[in-house]
Amino acid sequence: NGAGKTTTMRMILDLFRPDSGQITWNGRDVREVPRRSWGYLPEERGLYPKMRVDEQLLFL
């Protein structure tokens, strides 16, 4: 619906950088939080047809 959920998730995962400000989780910059502590469960099953395999692996 254009609310920015996907963009926000991509910024949290450090795939996109915000134009200004920073994203924190429990008081820490998300870029400092170990990646293994994050998880992502897409709403739809399957791969994203417009992404290359390496992009999908980075995204997930």
PDB file of N, CA and C in Angstrom:
ATOM      1  N   ASN A   1       0.806  -1.207   0.000  1.00  0.00           N
ATOM      2  CA  ASN A   1       0.000   0.000   0.000  1.00  0.00           C
ATOM      3  C   ASN A   1       0.847   1.268   0.000  1.00  0.00           C
ATOM      4  N   GLY A   2       2.152   1.131  -0.119  1.00  0.00           N
ATOM      5  CA  GLY A   2       3.016   2.304  -0.212  1.00  0.00           C
ATOM      6  C   GLY A   2       3.393   2.938   1.113  1.00  0.00           C
ATOM      7  N   ALA A   3       3.209   2.220   2.213  1.00  0.00           N
ATOM      8  CA  ALA A   3       3.522   2.779   3.533  1.00  0.00           C
ATOM      9  C   ALA A   3       5.017   2.752   3.854  1.00  0.00           C
ATOM     10  N   GLY A   4       5.804   1.979   3.097  1.00  0.00           N
ATOM     11  CA  GLY A   4       7.245   1.939   3.319  1.00  0.00           C
ATOM     12  C   GLY A   4       7.741   0.740   4.099  1.00  0.00           C
ATOM     13  N   LYS A   5       6.923  -0.289   4.244  1.00  0.00           N
ATOM     14  CA  LYS A   5       7.335  -1.464   5.031  1.00  0.00           C
ATOM     15  C   LYS A   5       8.549  -2.158   4.416  1.00  0.00           C
ATOM     16  N   THR A   6       8.518  -2.398   3.122  1.00  0.00           N
ATOM     17  CA  THR A   6       9.631  -3.079   2.457  1.00  0.00           C
ATOM     18  C   THR A   6      10.883  -2.219   2.494  1.00  0.00           C
ATOM     19  N   THR A   7      10.741  -0.941   2.249  1.00  0.00           N
ATOM     20  CA  THR A   7      11.892  -0.037   2.300  1.00  0.00           C
ATOM     21  C   THR A   7      12.495  -0.018   3.695  1.00  0.00           C
ATOM     22  N   THR A   8      11.650   0.022   4.711  1.00  0.00           N
ATOM     23  CA  THR A   8      12.137   0.004   6.091  1.00  0.00           C
ATOM     24  C   THR A   8      12.889  -1.282   6.380  1.00  0.00           C
ATOM     25  N   MET A   9      12.334  -2.419   5.963  1.00  0.00           N
ATOM     26  CA  MET A   9      13.012  -3.703   6.181  1.00  0.00           C
ATOM     27  C   MET A   9      14.357  -3.722   5.460  1.00  0.00           C
ATOM     28  N   ARG A  10      14.411  -3.195   4.273  1.00  0.00           N
ATOM     29  CA  ARG A  10      15.679  -3.165   3.528  1.00  0.00           C
ATOM     30  C   ARG A  10      16.700  -2.264   4.207  1.00  0.00           C
ATOM     31  N   MET A  11      16.247  -1.180   4.810  1.00  0.00           N
ATOM     32  CA  MET A  11      17.176  -0.322   5.548  1.00  0.00           C
ATOM     33  C   MET A  11      17.651  -1.020   6.820  1.00  0.00           C
ATOM     34  N   ILE A  12      16.754  -1.728   7.494  1.00  0.00           N
ATOM     35  CA  ILE A  12      17.144  -2.475   8.690  1.00  0.00           C
ATOM     36  C   ILE A  12      18.202  -3.511   8.340  1.00  0.00           C
ATOM     37  N   LEU A  13      18.045  -4.163   7.192  1.00  0.00           N
ATOM     38  CA  LEU A  13      18.992  -5.191   6.760  1.00  0.00           C
ATOM     39  C   LEU A  13      20.229  -4.605   6.082  1.00  0.00           C
ATOM     40  N   ASP A  14      20.332  -3.281   6.044  1.00  0.00           N
ATOM     41  CA  ASP A  14      21.473  -2.561   5.468  1.00  0.00           C
ATOM     42  C   ASP A  14      21.600  -2.794   3.961  1.00  0.00           C
ATOM     43  N   LEU A  15      20.473  -3.049   3.293  1.00  0.00           N
ATOM     44  CA  LEU A  15      20.470  -3.145   1.837  1.00  0.00           C
ATOM     45  C   LEU A  15      20.286  -1.770   1.220  1.00  0.00           C
ATOM     46  N   PHE A  16      19.609  -0.886   1.927  1.00  0.00           N
ATOM     47  CA  PHE A  16      19.444   0.515   1.545  1.00  0.00           C
ATOM     48  C   PHE A  16      19.931   1.356   2.708  1.00  0.00           C
ATOM     49  N   ARG A  17      20.491   2.510   2.411  1.00  0.00           N
ATOM     50  CA  ARG A  17      20.892   3.455   3.458  1.00  0.00           C
ATOM     51  C   ARG A  17      19.857   4.569   3.539  1.00  0.00           C
ATOM     52  N   PRO A  18      19.448   4.944   4.735  1.00  0.00           N
ATOM     53  CA  PRO A  18      18.507   6.069   4.844  1.00  0.00           C
ATOM     54  C   PRO A  18      19.181   7.364   4.400  1.00  0.00           C
ATOM     55  N   ASP A  19      18.393   8.279   3.856  1.00  0.00           N
ATOM     56  CA  ASP A  19      18.930   9.578   3.436  1.00  0.00           C
ATOM     57  C   ASP A  19      19.391  10.397   4.634  1.00  0.00           C
ATOM     58  N   SER A  20      18.737  10.201   5.764  1.00  0.00           N
ATOM     59  CA  SER A  20      19.134  10.905   6.985  1.00  0.00           C
ATOM     60  C   SER A  20      18.670  10.087   8.183  1.00  0.00           C
ATOM     61  N   GLY A  21      19.219  10.400   9.331  1.00  0.00           N
ATOM     62  CA  GLY A  21      18.851   9.698  10.552  1.00  0.00           C
ATOM     63  C   GLY A  21      19.509   8.334  10.655  1.00  0.00           C
ATOM     64  N   GLN A  22      19.077   7.572  11.632  1.00  0.00           N
ATOM     65  CA  GLN A  22      19.614   6.230  11.804  1.00  0.00           C
ATOM     66  C   GLN A  22      18.522   5.323  12.349  1.00  0.00           C
ATOM     67  N   ILE A  23      18.717   4.029  12.176  1.00  0.00           N
ATOM     68  CA  ILE A  23      17.769   3.038  12.662  1.00  0.00           C
ATOM     69  C   ILE A  23      18.426   2.324  13.831  1.00  0.00           C
ATOM     70  N   THR A  24      17.717   2.266  14.942  1.00  0.00           N
ATOM     71  CA  THR A  24      18.271   1.602  16.126  1.00  0.00           C
ATOM     72  C   THR A  24      17.369   0.451  16.552  1.00  0.00           C
ATOM     73  N   TRP A  25      17.989  -0.520  17.200  1.00  0.00           N
ATOM     74  CA  TRP A  25      17.283  -1.666  17.767  1.00  0.00           C
ATOM     75  C   TRP A  25      17.821  -1.844  19.175  1.00  0.00           C
ATOM     76  N   ASN A  26      16.955  -1.730  20.163  1.00  0.00           N
ATOM     77  CA  ASN A  26      17.372  -1.812  21.566  1.00  0.00           C
ATOM     78  C   ASN A  26      18.519  -0.853  21.870  1.00  0.00           C
ATOM     79  N   GLY A  27      18.445   0.341  21.301  1.00  0.00           N
ATOM     80  CA  GLY A  27      19.433   1.371  21.572  1.00  0.00           C
ATOM     81  C   GLY A  27      20.722   1.273  20.776  1.00  0.00           C
ATOM     82  N   ARG A  28      20.848   0.280  19.904  1.00  0.00           N
ATOM     83  CA  ARG A  28      22.069   0.112  19.098  1.00  0.00           C
ATOM     84  C   ARG A  28      21.759   0.363  17.634  1.00  0.00           C
ATOM     85  N   ASP A  29      22.705   0.967  16.924  1.00  0.00           N
ATOM     86  CA  ASP A  29      22.576   1.128  15.482  1.00  0.00           C
ATOM     87  C   ASP A  29      22.431  -0.260  14.863  1.00  0.00           C
ATOM     88  N   VAL A  30      21.461  -0.444  13.963  1.00  0.00           N
ATOM     89  CA  VAL A  30      21.214  -1.782  13.412  1.00  0.00           C
ATOM     90  C   VAL A  30      22.421  -2.341  12.671  1.00  0.00           C
ATOM     91  N   ARG A  31      23.310  -1.478  12.181  1.00  0.00           N
ATOM     92  CA  ARG A  31      24.505  -1.976  11.489  1.00  0.00           C
ATOM     93  C   ARG A  31      25.482  -2.636  12.458  1.00  0.00           C
ATOM     94  N   GLU A  32      25.316  -2.388  13.767  1.00  0.00           N
ATOM     95  CA  GLU A  32      26.188  -2.993  14.777  1.00  0.00           C
ATOM     96  C   GLU A  32      25.611  -4.286  15.350  1.00  0.00           C
ATOM     97  N   VAL A  33      24.343  -4.553  15.084  1.00  0.00           N
ATOM     98  CA  VAL A  33      23.689  -5.761  15.604  1.00  0.00           C
ATOM     99  C   VAL A  33      24.093  -6.944  14.724  1.00  0.00           C
ATOM    100  N   PRO A  34      24.568  -8.049  15.309  1.00  0.00           N
ATOM    101  CA  PRO A  34      24.983  -9.198  14.492  1.00  0.00           C
ATOM    102  C   PRO A  34      23.856  -9.688  13.590  1.00  0.00           C
ATOM    103  N   ARG A  35      24.188  -9.951  12.332  1.00  0.00           N
ATOM    104  CA  ARG A  35      23.196 -10.393  11.348  1.00  0.00           C
ATOM    105  C   ARG A  35      22.473 -11.660  11.784  1.00  0.00           C
ATOM    106  N   ARG A  36      23.154 -12.527  12.499  1.00  0.00           N
ATOM    107  CA  ARG A  36      22.520 -13.790  12.880  1.00  0.00           C
ATOM    108  C   ARG A  36      21.359 -13.582  13.851  1.00  0.00           C
ATOM    109  N   SER A  37      21.247 -12.374  14.442  1.00  0.00           N
ATOM    110  CA  SER A  37      20.123 -12.124  15.334  1.00  0.00           C
ATOM    111  C   SER A  37      18.867 -11.663  14.600  1.00  0.00           C
ATOM    112  N   TRP A  38      18.967 -11.458  13.287  1.00  0.00           N
ATOM    113  CA  TRP A  38      17.816 -11.009  12.507  1.00  0.00           C
ATOM    114  C   TRP A  38      17.186 -12.179  11.777  1.00  0.00           C
ATOM    115  N   GLY A  39      15.908 -12.082  11.568  1.00  0.00           N
ATOM    116  CA  GLY A  39      15.183 -13.060  10.760  1.00  0.00           C
ATOM    117  C   GLY A  39      14.179 -12.343   9.879  1.00  0.00           C
ATOM    118  N   TYR A  40      13.818 -12.989   8.805  1.00  0.00           N
ATOM    119  CA  TYR A  40      12.835 -12.401   7.894  1.00  0.00           C
ATOM    120  C   TYR A  40      11.941 -13.507   7.372  1.00  0.00           C
ATOM    121  N   LEU A  41      10.647 -13.322   7.463  1.00  0.00           N
ATOM    122  CA  LEU A  41       9.685 -14.282   6.950  1.00  0.00           C
ATOM    123  C   LEU A  41       8.786 -13.555   5.960  1.00  0.00           C
ATOM    124  N   PRO A  42       9.008 -13.794   4.660  1.00  0.00           N
ATOM    125  CA  PRO A  42       8.186 -13.091   3.669  1.00  0.00           C
ATOM    126  C   PRO A  42       6.733 -13.550   3.727  1.00  0.00           C
ATOM    127  N   GLU A  43       5.849 -12.643   3.388  1.00  0.00           N
ATOM    128  CA  GLU A  43       4.426 -12.962   3.396  1.00  0.00           C
ATOM    129  C   GLU A  43       4.087 -13.988   2.322  1.00  0.00           C
ATOM    130  N   GLU A  44       4.721 -13.844   1.166  1.00  0.00           N
ATOM    131  CA  GLU A  44       4.460 -14.768   0.067  1.00  0.00           C
ATOM    132  C   GLU A  44       5.594 -15.766  -0.044  1.00  0.00           C
ATOM    133  N   ARG A  45       5.246 -16.992  -0.387  1.00  0.00           N
ATOM    134  CA  ARG A  45       6.268 -18.016  -0.566  1.00  0.00           C
ATOM    135  C   ARG A  45       6.925 -17.877  -1.929  1.00  0.00           C
ATOM    136  N   GLY A  46       8.117 -18.424  -2.039  1.00  0.00           N
ATOM    137  CA  GLY A  46       8.788 -18.454  -3.326  1.00  0.00           C
ATOM    138  C   GLY A  46       9.816 -17.361  -3.482  1.00  0.00           C
ATOM    139  N   LEU A  47      10.384 -17.337  -4.656  1.00  0.00           N
ATOM    140  CA  LEU A  47      11.425 -16.372  -4.964  1.00  0.00           C
ATOM    141  C   LEU A  47      10.819 -15.121  -5.581  1.00  0.00           C
ATOM    142  N   TYR A  48      11.582 -14.076  -5.576  1.00  0.00           N
ATOM    143  CA  TYR A  48      11.155 -12.823  -6.170  1.00  0.00           C
ATOM    144  C   TYR A  48      11.617 -12.807  -7.625  1.00  0.00           C
ATOM    145  N   PRO A  49      10.698 -12.809  -8.579  1.00  0.00           N
ATOM    146  CA  PRO A  49      11.060 -12.987  -9.984  1.00  0.00           C
ATOM    147  C   PRO A  49      11.940 -11.889 -10.570  1.00  0.00           C
ATOM    148  N   LYS A  50      11.935 -10.706 -10.009  1.00  0.00           N
ATOM    149  CA  LYS A  50      12.725  -9.612 -10.579  1.00  0.00           C
ATOM    150  C   LYS A  50      14.123  -9.518  -9.976  1.00  0.00           C
ATOM    151  N   MET A  51      14.464 -10.424  -9.067  1.00  0.00           N
ATOM    152  CA  MET A  51      15.778 -10.387  -8.417  1.00  0.00           C
ATOM    153  C   MET A  51      16.634 -11.544  -8.892  1.00  0.00           C
ATOM    154  N   ARG A  52      17.933 -11.269  -9.042  1.00  0.00           N
ATOM    155  CA  ARG A  52      18.886 -12.341  -9.342  1.00  0.00           C
ATOM    156  C   ARG A  52      19.048 -13.205  -8.096  1.00  0.00           C
ATOM    157  N   VAL A  53      19.609 -14.391  -8.269  1.00  0.00           N
ATOM    158  CA  VAL A  53      19.772 -15.322  -7.149  1.00  0.00           C
ATOM    159  C   VAL A  53      20.607 -14.691  -6.042  1.00  0.00           C
ATOM    160  N   ASP A  54      21.728 -14.052  -6.392  1.00  0.00           N
ATOM    161  CA  ASP A  54      22.575 -13.447  -5.359  1.00  0.00           C
ATOM    162  C   ASP A  54      21.842 -12.329  -4.623  1.00  0.00           C
ATOM    163  N   GLU A  55      20.994 -11.580  -5.329  1.00  0.00           N
ATOM    164  CA  GLU A  55      20.217 -10.526  -4.677  1.00  0.00           C
ATOM    165  C   GLU A  55      19.209 -11.127  -3.699  1.00  0.00           C
ATOM    166  N   GLN A  56      18.603 -12.244  -4.091  1.00  0.00           N
ATOM    167  CA  GLN A  56      17.637 -12.890  -3.210  1.00  0.00           C
ATOM    168  C   GLN A  56      18.309 -13.426  -1.956  1.00  0.00           C
ATOM    169  N   LEU A  57      19.494 -13.994  -2.105  1.00  0.00           N
ATOM    170  CA  LEU A  57      20.211 -14.502  -0.932  1.00  0.00           C
ATOM    171  C   LEU A  57      20.599 -13.368   0.001  1.00  0.00           C
ATOM    172  N   LEU A  58      21.026 -12.245  -0.561  1.00  0.00           N
ATOM    173  CA  LEU A  58      21.354 -11.086   0.273  1.00  0.00           C
ATOM    174  C   LEU A  58      20.108 -10.550   0.964  1.00  0.00           C
ATOM    175  N   PHE A  59      19.004 -10.533   0.229  1.00  0.00           N
ATOM    176  CA  PHE A  59      17.761 -10.006   0.772  1.00  0.00           C
ATOM    177  C   PHE A  59      17.238 -10.878   1.901  1.00  0.00           C
ATOM    178  N   LEU A  60      17.324 -12.209   1.711  1.00  0.00           N
ATOM    179  CA  LEU A  60      16.824 -13.121   2.730  1.00  0.00           C
ATOM    180  C   LEU A  60      17.864 -13.323   3.793  1.00  0.00           C
TER     181      LEU A  60
END
